Each structure stands twice: as C-alpha cells, then as structure tokens.
C-alpha cells in the first residue's frame, strides 16, 4: 500500500488519522498515563528544539560549535558501572521495527545486540510507527514471527542472550493528532506507547533505549527525567532504564563527556552515528566555502574529520567505564551477487578493524551475514580498560576535507539519483532502501541533499564530460533532477515496481524542493 504521507515539503511530523479516537483506538488507560507526561515533557522538548536552531544559526554566522568550559563532568573522577548483560556489544545489528521478518532474523542471528528502530529506517508515518511499536512489544514477549515461504514454516523470535535496544524517534520530531489541536514529542509518544504495554518481567535485562539525534549535554536531562518517571510508574528503581546515545550531531561531539555525566545513572555507552554526523557537519559548515564534501563514496573511512572524532569517543567513554560503539557500514552483502558480496564483506572487515584499532568496543551492522565478521574484529568482551593516546584532549573535529576523495559532476548526479529513489521509497512506506548495493536511510539521504545544496550554494566548479569546467548552480541541479528522473523512469531500478513508479515525480519534487529551499533537517 502506497503511503502518501509527505505531500507537503519538509513535513517534520506525522499525524494520526483524523478519525482517531485515542480512548478507544489506543491501549485502554494509555491516555491517562500519557497526558501528564505530555504536559511535562512536550513544552520542554519544544524549547530544546528552539535552542538547537540558535546554535545552527550561530554556526552559519561564523561561530561554530566548540568545547565547553571545564566543569565537574570533565575535571573529576566518576565512573559508570557496566552490568554483566551489557559487557559484550561487539556488534549491534539494526533494522526497521516495522519489518517483522527482518527483526526476527536479526534477533535470531546470534549477534551480541540488536537495535529495533522506530526512527531513521522506519518511515515516519502513523501506520508504520504503530506497526513498529506493535512488533517491538511482540519481540519482547518472544511472540514476533514471520512465515518462511521457502521452508514452509513459521519462524518466531527465540530466547537468547542478545541485548535488545529500542530507538524511538528523536527530539527534533513531533507527533500530531494524538491530542486534539496539539502536537507532542514523538520521542515521548514512541517510548510511552511501548513502555505502557510491557511487563519488565518479560525482559532478560533492563529495558534499554537508544537515544538518537541529541545535540547538547543539556538534552540528557530530558531523557533522564523521562526514564525516571517511567521507572516510578512501574515501581522500579529510578536508574532501572538503561540507554546508549548516538552522537550524530556536530555540537554534541564537543559535549560528549558532559552528556554522559548528566545521564550517568542510565547511559552505558555512546555511538558514533557516522552518516548522520557527516550530514550534521555539512549542515553546520554550510556557509563555509572551504568545507565542501567530496563525493560520498570516495571518502576514505579514516578521513581526519571522522578519525579525530573516532579516537576521541573511546577516550571519553573508557575514562568513565562505558562502551564506545562505531557506526554502520553502508555497503550491503548480497546472496545473489558474489562479486558484490565479497566486496561488501571485505569493506566490512576493514572498516570494523579500523574502529577496533581506534579502541571502539563494537559497531553496527544491518544484515545477519555481517555478524560473524564484525564480531571477530573486536576483542572480547570489550576494550573499556584501554585508553587511546591522544595528542590533545580537545582535538580538532573540523579539519578541512582537503586532498581526500574527489568532487565530480558524476558524484552530484549519483546524489540526485539517490535522493529521488530514497524519497520514492519513503512515499511507499520504506524508511530504508537498498540502492545499488548500499543501504540508504534518512541519514544518507540527508548527506546527499546537503552535499548537493552546498555545491550549488558555493558554485563549486567541476570538469564536464567535454573537459570544460561546469559551475554548480540551482539551475544545474534542477536540470540534473530532470535528467535523472527520466533515466529512472526509463529503466526502473529493481526496488521500484510499476505501482511505486507512479510516485517518482512527487519524490523528485519533494527532494529537489528540500534542497533548493534549504530544508536540511533529518526528516
């Protein structure tokens, strides 16, 4: 079923159906639980979002993020106790929670951990968020299943030592239609809906949350207070809920230690959300003509602006006894294309070994075939006792991307083609799509949109097919959108069937307008 949920550009929330009756259509008693939480946490969330906008605006005026002055968080000895059940996080597999089959496969893969995702890889539409929450609850009860048609059998989630994390939508998103004529925090809605319906006795470990899209240490208090209200609701110790947090926004990279300190009763690690981080870095440096990103797939895994960040994170985390987790490898294995599969697994091995050498304790993957190789690159059970040797505790997190990769018209074309195809997937209910061997989700879509925008913004010149220089402009971008849409429609990629092809012009329109009109948020 096609879900035309983004007919307007830059829609930052989804809406419940107009005929929703929360008292009848949501779990019995849920609204009584949710209403006081909404009154407490939604105004706070809106205030934090407004503060984010001010930080971004300041960066565009030439005052980019920087380290904070010394505080108790950075000058005193404090430690977080790592529970035994979380000691091994060498691979955290992730996938969209609205996909029951993939979720079951990941949970049965033997991976040390799995993150069921209601955020970047799940389409931000009411039907998909509700299905994702339903699947997550069923997974906790070991009831989630799918029909394996090849083997003519039903496959259900099996009990194991795999640590299960749930990622709600981020603080930047709001949810409409639950409260009449009001919006509410999407993070609050997602977690409250799941928490209200589970019994902690089902779980083999503490209820565990993956916090996305944080942008400041101050935001940690929002999550801390929410976790403690939830725990009180079920008469549990206030530190019962545990979490990890993605460092996906450029400002937070400078405030990791303070963020951990503010969440020290709950947080067991930080994760380098590399693709979102790259997008955020471009966004914050968008007005700087010296900060032009090369073609994404020509950027080496050890590019300085990642590598400096990648070595700082283990220092911060291990100093206080928690995990530092690496990012996702986008190139996906294939069971039908041996050449692609071999290349994907080789890249995976190199990438995870680099992260292990940076003293990361684990990383992300998205396919069961990646688990064994990923796990093998990291020492068991973790490296939290090791500290990297840093030349400075405040390394440069914005070294210019000079002399790495290449900037080409083909790279811009590839970006245009990807954002059209990705947005078309969103219009048809897919939060993540496998495109040309790469698993693309909201984060990588945002990288490409920003990459195109900054090239046009700064009139970047590249070599044309005739050898003559071509200057990027929004007129050029529009022409590339015309040409790439025509190519896609002429030779439909494998992920687009005839029905999904009907939405391609709308996908093109939304993607192009988001770029031209400067809508660069992760939506």
Protein backbone atom coordinates (compact mmCIF):
# COMPACT_ATOMS: atom_id res chain seq x y z
CA UNK A 1 0.00 0.00 0.00
CA UNK A 2 1.44 3.34 -1.01
CA UNK A 3 1.50 5.85 1.82
CA UNK A 4 1.40 9.41 0.51
CA UNK A 5 2.37 10.91 3.83
CA UNK A 6 4.80 13.58 2.61
CA UNK A 7 2.71 15.50 0.10
CA UNK A 8 3.98 18.73 1.60
CA UNK A 9 7.66 19.56 1.61
CA UNK A 10 9.74 19.10 4.75
CA UNK A 11 6.98 17.50 6.82
CA UNK A 12 8.57 17.10 10.25
CA UNK A 13 5.83 15.12 11.92
CA UNK A 14 3.23 12.56 11.09
CA UNK A 15 -0.40 12.81 12.05
CA UNK A 16 -2.74 10.25 13.47
CA UNK A 17 -5.80 9.58 11.30
CA UNK A 18 -8.41 12.33 11.54
CA UNK A 19 -10.94 9.86 12.92
CA UNK A 20 -8.65 8.56 15.66
CA UNK A 21 -10.41 8.12 19.00
CA UNK A 22 -7.47 7.87 21.42
CA UNK A 23 -9.59 6.46 24.23
CA UNK A 24 -10.79 3.58 22.05
CA UNK A 25 -8.08 3.18 19.40
CA UNK A 26 -5.06 3.28 21.73
CA UNK A 27 -4.49 0.85 24.62
CA UNK A 28 -7.00 1.13 27.45
CA UNK A 29 -5.84 3.63 30.06
CA UNK A 30 -2.92 4.82 27.92
CA UNK A 31 -4.18 8.40 27.58
CA UNK A 32 -4.41 8.76 31.36
CA UNK A 33 -0.75 7.71 31.51
CA UNK A 34 0.30 9.88 28.58
CA UNK A 35 -1.48 13.16 29.34
CA UNK A 36 0.59 14.32 32.35
CA UNK A 37 3.78 13.23 30.56
CA UNK A 38 2.78 15.29 27.55
CA UNK A 39 2.19 18.35 29.73
CA UNK A 40 5.58 17.92 31.38
CA UNK A 41 7.84 16.87 28.51
CA UNK A 42 6.46 18.36 25.27
CA UNK A 43 6.98 22.04 26.18
CA UNK A 44 10.48 21.11 27.29
CA UNK A 45 11.13 19.31 24.01
CA UNK A 46 9.91 22.33 22.03
CA UNK A 47 12.25 24.60 23.99
CA UNK A 48 15.22 22.32 23.28
CA UNK A 49 14.40 22.30 19.57
CA UNK A 50 14.33 26.11 19.56
CA UNK A 51 17.75 26.16 21.24
CA UNK A 52 19.12 23.89 18.53
CA UNK A 53 18.06 26.38 15.86
CA UNK A 54 20.00 29.15 17.61
CA UNK A 55 23.19 27.05 17.71
CA UNK A 56 22.90 26.28 14.00
CA UNK A 57 22.26 29.93 13.17
CA UNK A 58 25.34 30.97 15.18
CA UNK A 59 27.46 28.47 13.27
CA UNK A 60 26.26 29.92 9.97
CA UNK A 61 27.30 33.35 11.26
CA UNK A 62 30.84 32.12 11.82
CA UNK A 63 30.62 30.83 15.41
CA UNK A 64 30.64 27.03 15.01
CA UNK A 65 30.38 24.59 17.95
CA UNK A 66 33.33 24.29 20.33
CA UNK A 67 34.30 22.61 23.58
CA UNK A 68 32.63 23.83 26.78
CA UNK A 69 34.48 25.35 29.74
CA UNK A 70 35.74 22.87 32.36
CA UNK A 71 33.11 21.55 34.78
CA UNK A 72 32.67 18.75 37.30
CA UNK A 73 31.90 16.46 34.37
CA UNK A 74 35.34 16.93 32.82
CA UNK A 75 37.57 17.53 35.85
CA UNK A 76 36.50 14.98 38.47
CA UNK A 77 36.80 11.21 38.74
CA UNK A 78 33.48 9.48 38.22
CA UNK A 79 32.56 6.11 36.78
CA UNK A 80 29.56 4.23 35.48
CA UNK A 81 29.10 0.57 36.44
CA UNK A 82 28.72 -1.71 33.43
CA UNK A 83 26.21 -4.54 34.06
CA UNK A 84 27.29 -8.03 33.01
CA UNK A 85 24.48 -8.39 30.49
CA UNK A 86 25.85 -5.42 28.53
CA UNK A 87 29.57 -6.24 28.68
CA UNK A 88 29.68 -7.63 25.13
CA UNK A 89 28.39 -5.23 22.48
CA UNK A 90 30.83 -6.11 19.70
CA UNK A 91 28.04 -5.99 17.13
CA UNK A 92 24.74 -4.19 17.37
CA UNK A 93 22.53 -5.15 14.45
CA UNK A 94 19.91 -2.62 13.44
CA UNK A 95 16.80 -2.68 11.30
CA UNK A 96 13.36 -1.12 10.85
CA UNK A 97 10.96 -2.26 13.57
CA UNK A 98 8.02 -2.22 11.15
CA UNK A 99 9.64 -5.11 9.24
CA UNK A 100 8.75 -8.20 11.30
CA UNK A 101 10.74 -10.65 9.17
CA UNK A 102 13.99 -8.68 9.34
CA UNK A 103 13.53 -8.00 13.06
CA UNK A 104 13.12 -11.73 13.77
CA UNK A 105 16.15 -12.59 11.64
CA UNK A 106 18.30 -10.03 13.43
CA UNK A 107 17.18 -11.15 16.89
CA UNK A 108 17.86 -14.79 15.96
CA UNK A 109 21.24 -14.05 14.35
CA UNK A 110 23.35 -14.63 17.45
CA UNK A 111 24.53 -11.03 17.43
CA UNK A 112 25.52 -9.67 20.87
CA UNK A 113 22.90 -6.93 20.44
CA UNK A 114 20.06 -5.76 18.22
CA UNK A 115 18.51 -2.32 17.98
CA UNK A 116 14.90 -2.31 16.80
CA UNK A 117 14.43 1.01 15.08
CA UNK A 118 11.41 3.32 15.03
CA UNK A 119 13.50 6.17 13.66
CA UNK A 120 15.70 6.59 10.57
CA UNK A 121 14.98 3.25 8.92
CA UNK A 122 11.21 3.31 9.61
CA UNK A 123 9.01 5.62 7.56
CA UNK A 124 7.69 8.46 9.72
CA UNK A 125 4.03 7.66 9.06
CA UNK A 126 1.35 6.73 11.59
CA UNK A 127 0.74 3.22 10.23
CA UNK A 128 4.44 2.39 10.30
CA UNK A 129 5.14 3.80 13.75
CA UNK A 130 2.18 1.90 15.19
CA UNK A 131 3.29 -1.31 13.48
CA UNK A 132 6.86 -0.78 14.68
CA UNK A 133 5.66 -0.38 18.28
CA UNK A 134 3.45 -3.47 17.95
CA UNK A 135 6.34 -5.53 16.58
CA UNK A 136 8.68 -4.32 19.33
CA UNK A 137 6.27 -5.38 22.07
CA UNK A 138 5.75 -8.76 20.37
CA UNK A 139 9.54 -9.21 20.16
CA UNK A 140 9.89 -8.56 23.91
CA UNK A 141 7.26 -11.26 24.51
CA UNK A 142 9.04 -13.67 22.11
CA UNK A 143 5.88 -13.75 20.01
CA UNK A 144 7.05 -11.85 16.91
CA UNK A 145 7.15 -14.16 13.88
CA UNK A 146 7.07 -14.35 10.10
CA UNK A 147 6.14 -17.00 7.54
CA UNK A 148 9.21 -18.50 5.89
CA UNK A 149 7.70 -19.38 2.49
CA UNK A 150 10.86 -21.08 1.21
CA UNK A 151 10.80 -23.59 4.06
CA UNK A 152 7.03 -23.56 4.63
CA UNK A 153 7.30 -22.81 8.32
CA UNK A 154 6.68 -20.08 10.84
CA UNK A 155 9.78 -18.50 12.43
CA UNK A 156 9.48 -16.87 15.84
CA UNK A 157 11.92 -14.85 17.95
CA UNK A 158 13.95 -17.21 20.13
CA UNK A 159 15.14 -16.51 23.65
CA UNK A 160 18.84 -15.70 23.74
CA UNK A 161 21.46 -13.52 25.40
CA UNK A 162 21.12 -10.89 22.67
CA UNK A 163 20.66 -7.45 24.21
CA UNK A 164 17.64 -5.69 22.70
CA UNK A 165 17.64 -1.91 22.35
CA UNK A 166 14.77 0.22 21.06
CA UNK A 167 15.34 3.52 19.24
CA UNK A 168 12.41 5.97 19.29
CA UNK A 169 12.14 8.99 17.03
CA UNK A 170 14.37 11.92 18.02
CA UNK A 171 13.61 15.10 19.90
CA UNK A 172 13.53 17.08 16.65
CA UNK A 173 10.29 15.33 15.64
CA UNK A 174 6.77 15.99 16.83
CA UNK A 175 3.64 13.83 16.60
CA UNK A 176 0.28 15.25 15.63
CA UNK A 177 -3.27 14.08 16.13
CA UNK A 178 -2.99 12.25 19.45
CA UNK A 179 -4.09 15.31 21.42
CA UNK A 180 -6.69 17.42 19.61
CA UNK A 181 -5.22 20.61 18.15
CA UNK A 182 -1.85 19.93 19.83
CA UNK A 183 1.45 18.44 18.82
CA UNK A 184 3.52 16.31 21.16
CA UNK A 185 7.05 14.98 21.33
CA UNK A 186 7.43 11.99 19.01
CA UNK A 187 10.14 10.57 21.31
CA UNK A 188 7.70 10.66 24.21
CA UNK A 189 4.88 9.08 22.23
CA UNK A 190 7.00 6.19 20.93
CA UNK A 191 8.56 5.24 24.27
CA UNK A 192 5.41 5.80 26.30
CA UNK A 193 3.39 3.58 23.96
CA UNK A 194 5.88 0.73 24.29
CA UNK A 195 6.64 1.17 28.00
CA UNK A 196 2.95 1.26 28.93
CA UNK A 197 2.33 -2.13 27.28
CA UNK A 198 5.32 -4.14 28.50
CA UNK A 199 5.99 -6.02 31.70
CA UNK A 200 9.65 -5.70 32.73
CA UNK A 201 9.43 -9.31 33.94
CA UNK A 202 9.40 -10.39 30.27
CA UNK A 203 12.84 -8.92 29.68
CA UNK A 204 16.13 -10.78 30.24
CA UNK A 205 17.77 -7.44 31.06
CA UNK A 206 16.80 -3.87 31.92
CA UNK A 207 14.62 -2.01 29.44
CA UNK A 208 17.16 -0.39 27.11
CA UNK A 209 16.79 2.66 24.89
CA UNK A 210 18.95 4.01 22.07
CA UNK A 211 18.74 7.81 22.17
CA UNK A 212 19.00 9.44 18.72
CA UNK A 213 19.79 12.91 17.37
CA UNK A 214 20.86 14.64 20.61
CA UNK A 215 22.56 18.00 20.08
CA UNK A 216 23.62 19.14 23.56
CA UNK A 217 24.54 17.87 27.00
CA UNK A 218 21.52 19.72 28.37
CA UNK A 219 19.19 17.43 26.43
CA UNK A 220 20.38 14.49 28.54
CA UNK A 221 18.26 15.82 31.41
CA UNK A 222 15.09 15.43 29.31
CA UNK A 223 15.80 11.74 28.82
CA UNK A 224 16.96 11.25 32.41
CA UNK A 225 13.76 12.67 33.85
CA UNK A 226 11.60 10.69 31.40
CA UNK A 227 13.34 7.42 32.29
CA UNK A 228 12.88 8.07 35.98
CA UNK A 229 9.18 8.93 35.62
CA UNK A 230 8.73 5.70 33.65
CA UNK A 231 10.52 3.68 36.34
CA UNK A 232 8.40 5.20 39.09
CA UNK A 233 5.27 4.29 37.11
CA UNK A 234 6.13 0.59 37.44
CA UNK A 235 7.60 0.90 40.96
CA UNK A 236 11.15 0.21 39.77
CA UNK A 237 14.43 1.79 40.94
CA UNK A 238 14.91 5.19 39.34
CA UNK A 239 18.03 4.02 37.48
CA UNK A 240 16.30 0.91 36.08
CA UNK A 241 16.09 2.07 32.44
CA UNK A 242 19.43 1.95 30.63
CA UNK A 243 20.43 3.62 27.43
CA UNK A 244 23.06 4.29 24.84
CA UNK A 245 23.17 7.52 22.88
CA UNK A 246 24.11 8.26 19.32
CA UNK A 247 26.45 11.17 18.74
CA UNK A 248 25.04 12.20 15.38
CA UNK A 249 25.09 15.98 15.66
CA UNK A 250 28.24 18.06 15.35
CA UNK A 251 27.64 20.15 18.51
CA UNK A 252 27.32 17.06 20.70
CA UNK A 253 30.76 15.82 19.64
CA UNK A 254 32.15 18.66 21.75
CA UNK A 255 29.93 17.80 24.74
CA UNK A 256 30.14 14.01 24.96
CA UNK A 257 31.63 13.91 28.44
CA UNK A 258 29.09 16.37 29.84
CA UNK A 259 26.25 14.42 28.18
CA UNK A 260 27.45 11.17 29.76
CA UNK A 261 27.77 12.85 33.14
CA UNK A 262 24.22 14.16 33.01
CA UNK A 263 22.93 10.67 32.15
CA UNK A 264 25.37 8.68 34.31
CA UNK A 265 22.61 6.79 36.15
CA UNK A 266 21.40 5.35 32.84
CA UNK A 267 23.92 5.60 29.99
CA UNK A 268 26.14 2.62 29.14
CA UNK A 269 27.78 3.97 26.02
CA UNK A 270 27.98 6.37 23.10
CA UNK A 271 27.76 5.55 19.42
CA UNK A 272 29.43 7.35 16.54
CA UNK A 273 26.48 7.75 14.18
CA UNK A 274 28.77 8.41 11.27
CA UNK A 275 26.35 9.14 8.44
CA UNK A 276 24.10 11.45 10.43
CA UNK A 277 27.21 13.06 11.87
CA UNK A 278 28.59 13.72 8.40
CA UNK A 279 25.29 15.32 7.39
CA UNK A 280 25.24 17.44 10.55
CA UNK A 281 28.83 18.54 9.97
CA UNK A 282 27.96 19.75 6.46
CA UNK A 283 24.85 21.47 7.81
CA UNK A 284 26.77 23.40 10.47
CA UNK A 285 29.52 24.34 8.00
CA UNK A 286 27.18 25.05 5.09
CA UNK A 287 28.17 28.71 4.80
CA UNK A 288 31.91 27.97 4.74
CA UNK A 289 33.18 27.72 1.14
CA UNK A 290 36.23 25.78 2.34
CA UNK A 291 34.15 22.95 3.78
CA UNK A 292 32.99 21.19 0.62
CA UNK A 293 32.31 17.48 0.96
CA UNK A 294 33.77 15.18 -1.73
CA UNK A 295 31.61 12.58 -3.45
CA UNK A 296 30.40 10.44 -0.55
CA UNK A 297 31.60 7.07 -1.77
CA UNK A 298 35.11 8.40 -2.44
CA UNK A 299 35.66 9.49 1.17
CA UNK A 300 38.07 7.08 2.94
CA UNK A 301 36.95 5.52 6.21
CA UNK A 302 39.86 7.17 8.05
CA UNK A 303 39.23 10.72 6.79
CA UNK A 304 40.53 13.11 9.50
CA UNK A 305 37.19 14.68 10.45
CA UNK A 306 35.95 11.17 11.31
CA UNK A 307 39.17 9.75 12.64
CA UNK A 308 39.76 12.52 15.17
CA UNK A 309 36.20 12.08 16.42
CA UNK A 310 36.57 8.30 16.31
CA UNK A 311 39.57 8.36 18.63
CA UNK A 312 38.14 10.98 20.99
CA UNK A 313 34.98 8.99 21.69
CA UNK A 314 36.75 5.93 23.20
CA UNK A 315 38.82 8.26 25.38
CA UNK A 316 35.70 9.91 26.78
CA UNK A 317 33.77 6.65 27.16
CA UNK A 318 36.55 4.46 28.56
CA UNK A 319 37.59 7.16 31.01
CA UNK A 320 34.22 6.57 32.68
CA UNK A 321 33.79 2.83 32.09
CA UNK A 322 31.28 2.69 29.23
CA UNK A 323 31.23 1.48 25.64
CA UNK A 324 32.26 3.40 22.55
CA UNK A 325 30.37 1.97 19.58
CA UNK A 326 31.27 2.51 15.95
CA UNK A 327 29.00 3.21 13.00
CA UNK A 328 27.20 1.41 10.22
CA UNK A 329 28.95 0.09 7.11
CA UNK A 330 26.61 1.09 4.28
CA UNK A 331 27.77 -1.41 1.61
CA UNK A 332 25.41 -4.37 1.96
CA UNK A 333 26.19 -8.05 1.34
CA UNK A 334 24.29 -9.94 -1.37
CA UNK A 335 23.37 -13.62 -1.55
CA UNK A 336 22.81 -13.39 -5.30
CA UNK A 337 25.83 -11.33 -6.44
CA UNK A 338 29.10 -12.96 -5.38
CA UNK A 339 31.30 -10.09 -6.55
CA UNK A 340 29.25 -7.52 -4.62
CA UNK A 341 29.07 -9.82 -1.60
CA UNK A 342 32.84 -10.35 -1.50
CA UNK A 343 33.48 -6.62 -1.83
CA UNK A 344 30.92 -5.76 0.86
CA UNK A 345 32.37 -8.22 3.37
CA UNK A 346 35.94 -7.07 2.64
CA UNK A 347 34.95 -3.43 3.22
CA UNK A 348 33.13 -4.50 6.38
CA UNK A 349 36.21 -6.26 7.76
CA UNK A 350 38.49 -3.30 7.03
CA UNK A 351 36.05 -0.80 8.47
CA UNK A 352 35.42 -2.68 11.72
CA UNK A 353 39.13 -3.41 12.19
CA UNK A 354 39.83 0.31 11.90
CA UNK A 355 37.20 1.00 14.55
CA UNK A 356 38.66 -1.68 16.80
CA UNK A 357 42.13 -0.16 16.34
CA UNK A 358 40.62 3.14 17.47
CA UNK A 359 39.58 1.25 20.63
CA UNK A 360 35.89 1.07 19.81
CA UNK A 361 34.11 -1.75 21.64
CA UNK A 362 31.78 -2.69 18.82
CA UNK A 363 29.92 -1.32 15.84
CA UNK A 364 26.69 -1.50 13.85
CA UNK A 365 25.65 -3.77 11.01
CA UNK A 366 22.30 -4.36 9.32
CA UNK A 367 22.47 -7.86 7.82
CA UNK A 368 22.82 -11.27 9.55
CA UNK A 369 25.65 -12.22 7.17
CA UNK A 370 27.76 -9.38 8.61
CA UNK A 371 27.62 -10.52 12.23
CA UNK A 372 30.43 -13.06 12.36
CA UNK A 373 32.96 -10.85 10.56
CA UNK A 374 32.04 -7.77 12.59
CA UNK A 375 32.30 -9.56 15.94
CA UNK A 376 35.66 -11.08 15.01
CA UNK A 377 37.29 -7.66 14.60
CA UNK A 378 36.78 -6.62 18.24
CA UNK A 379 38.44 -8.05 21.38
CA UNK A 380 36.10 -9.96 23.68
CA UNK A 381 34.13 -8.68 25.52
CA UNK A 382 35.22 -5.05 25.15
CA UNK A 383 38.16 -2.65 25.32
CA UNK A 384 36.89 -0.35 28.06
CA UNK A 385 40.09 -0.85 30.09
CA UNK A 386 42.16 0.71 27.29
CA UNK A 387 42.63 4.41 26.64
CA UNK A 388 43.86 5.93 23.37
CA UNK A 389 46.96 8.09 23.35
CA UNK A 390 45.68 11.49 22.30
CA UNK A 391 47.95 14.40 21.47
CA UNK A 392 45.20 16.62 22.86
CA UNK A 393 42.05 16.04 24.87
CA UNK A 394 40.45 18.67 22.63
CA UNK A 395 41.35 17.53 19.09
CA UNK A 396 40.29 19.43 16.01
CA UNK A 397 36.93 17.95 14.97
CA UNK A 398 36.65 20.06 11.82
CA UNK A 399 39.81 19.52 9.75
CA UNK A 400 39.04 20.57 6.18
CA UNK A 401 38.26 17.69 3.79
CA UNK A 402 41.14 18.67 1.51
CA UNK A 403 43.04 16.12 -0.53
CA UNK A 404 40.56 13.29 0.08
CA UNK A 405 38.14 11.80 -2.39
CA UNK A 406 37.01 13.77 -5.41
CA UNK A 407 34.33 16.26 -6.34
CA UNK A 408 32.72 15.44 -9.66
CA UNK A 409 29.60 16.01 -11.71
CA UNK A 410 29.06 12.25 -11.67
CA UNK A 411 29.07 12.43 -7.88
CA UNK A 412 26.38 15.11 -7.94
CA UNK A 413 24.35 13.05 -10.41
CA UNK A 414 24.63 10.00 -8.19
CA UNK A 415 23.43 12.07 -5.23
CA UNK A 416 20.44 13.37 -7.21
CA UNK A 417 19.55 9.88 -8.33
CA UNK A 418 19.80 8.53 -4.79
CA UNK A 419 17.61 11.19 -3.16
CA UNK A 420 14.88 10.66 -5.77
CA UNK A 421 14.91 6.90 -5.23
CA UNK A 422 15.14 7.18 -1.46
CA UNK A 423 12.27 9.68 -1.23
CA UNK A 424 10.21 7.47 -3.51
CA UNK A 425 10.75 4.65 -1.05
CA UNK A 426 9.52 6.89 1.77
CA UNK A 427 6.38 7.72 -0.20
CA UNK A 428 5.78 3.99 -0.46
CA UNK A 429 6.34 3.25 3.21
CA UNK A 430 10.07 2.42 3.27
CA UNK A 431 12.34 4.18 5.73
CA UNK A 432 15.40 2.41 4.32
CA UNK A 433 16.10 1.17 0.79
CA UNK A 434 18.84 -0.98 -0.72
CA UNK A 435 20.11 1.09 -3.64
CA UNK A 436 22.94 -0.18 -5.86
CA UNK A 437 24.41 -2.27 -3.04
CA UNK A 438 24.21 0.47 -0.39
CA UNK A 439 21.64 0.54 2.38
CA UNK A 440 20.37 4.09 2.29
CA UNK A 441 18.26 5.56 5.07
CA UNK A 442 17.29 9.01 6.30
CA UNK A 443 20.88 9.78 7.31
CA UNK A 444 22.47 9.06 3.94
CA UNK A 445 19.61 10.80 2.13
CA UNK A 446 20.36 13.89 4.22
CA UNK A 447 24.08 13.70 3.35
CA UNK A 448 23.27 13.72 -0.35
CA UNK A 449 20.76 16.57 -0.04
CA UNK A 450 23.27 18.69 1.85
CA UNK A 451 26.10 17.75 -0.49
CA UNK A 452 24.08 18.97 -3.48
CA UNK A 453 22.98 22.12 -1.63
CA UNK A 454 26.48 23.18 -0.62
CA UNK A 455 27.84 22.66 -4.13
CA UNK A 456 25.14 24.89 -5.58
CA UNK A 457 25.42 27.37 -2.70
CA UNK A 458 29.16 27.91 -3.32
CA UNK A 459 29.08 27.50 -7.13
CA UNK A 460 31.58 24.65 -6.99
CA UNK A 461 33.28 24.06 -10.35
CA UNK A 462 33.90 20.57 -11.72
CA UNK A 463 35.04 19.14 -15.02
CA UNK A 464 32.31 18.39 -17.56
CA UNK A 465 32.24 15.44 -19.96
CA UNK A 466 33.82 17.64 -22.61
CA UNK A 467 36.65 18.61 -20.30
CA UNK A 468 35.34 22.14 -19.81
CA UNK A 469 34.55 23.42 -16.30
CA UNK A 470 30.94 23.35 -15.14
CA UNK A 471 29.72 25.53 -12.29
CA UNK A 472 27.18 24.11 -9.88
CA UNK A 473 24.02 26.18 -9.56
CA UNK A 474 20.44 25.51 -8.58
CA UNK A 475 19.57 25.69 -12.28
CA UNK A 476 22.08 22.90 -12.92
CA UNK A 477 20.64 20.94 -10.02
CA UNK A 478 17.15 21.24 -11.49
CA UNK A 479 18.41 20.01 -14.87
CA UNK A 480 20.11 17.04 -13.22
CA UNK A 481 16.86 16.21 -11.46
CA UNK A 482 15.06 16.27 -14.83
CA UNK A 483 17.63 14.02 -16.44
CA UNK A 484 17.98 11.53 -13.59
CA UNK A 485 14.22 11.23 -13.11
CA UNK A 486 13.86 10.44 -16.82
CA UNK A 487 16.57 7.76 -16.58
CA UNK A 488 14.97 6.17 -13.53
CA UNK A 489 11.56 6.13 -15.21
CA UNK A 490 13.03 4.67 -18.40
CA UNK A 491 14.98 1.88 -16.68
CA UNK A 492 13.28 1.20 -13.37
CA UNK A 493 15.72 0.05 -10.67
CA UNK A 494 14.97 -3.27 -9.02
CA UNK A 495 13.45 -1.71 -5.88
CA UNK A 496 10.76 0.17 -7.86
CA UNK A 497 7.79 -1.76 -9.22
CA UNK A 498 5.25 -0.27 -11.63
CA UNK A 499 3.00 0.91 -8.82
CA UNK A 500 5.83 2.59 -6.93
CA UNK A 501 6.91 4.23 -10.19
CA UNK A 502 3.75 6.34 -10.07
CA UNK A 503 5.14 8.36 -7.17
CA UNK A 504 8.52 9.13 -8.76
CA UNK A 505 7.56 12.64 -9.98
CA UNK A 506 6.35 13.54 -6.48
CA UNK A 507 9.51 12.08 -4.93
CA UNK A 508 11.61 14.19 -7.29
CA UNK A 509 9.59 17.34 -6.46
CA UNK A 510 9.93 16.88 -2.70
CA UNK A 511 13.65 16.02 -2.81
CA UNK A 512 14.53 18.95 -5.08
CA UNK A 513 12.49 21.46 -3.09
CA UNK A 514 14.05 20.33 0.18
CA UNK A 515 17.46 21.11 -1.34
CA UNK A 516 16.55 24.40 -3.05
CA UNK A 517 14.54 25.77 -0.12
CA UNK A 518 17.12 24.81 2.49
CA UNK A 519 15.17 22.19 4.44
CA UNK A 520 18.13 20.22 5.76
CA UNK A 521 16.71 18.71 8.95
CA UNK A 522 16.74 14.89 9.32
CA UNK A 523 13.19 14.30 8.07
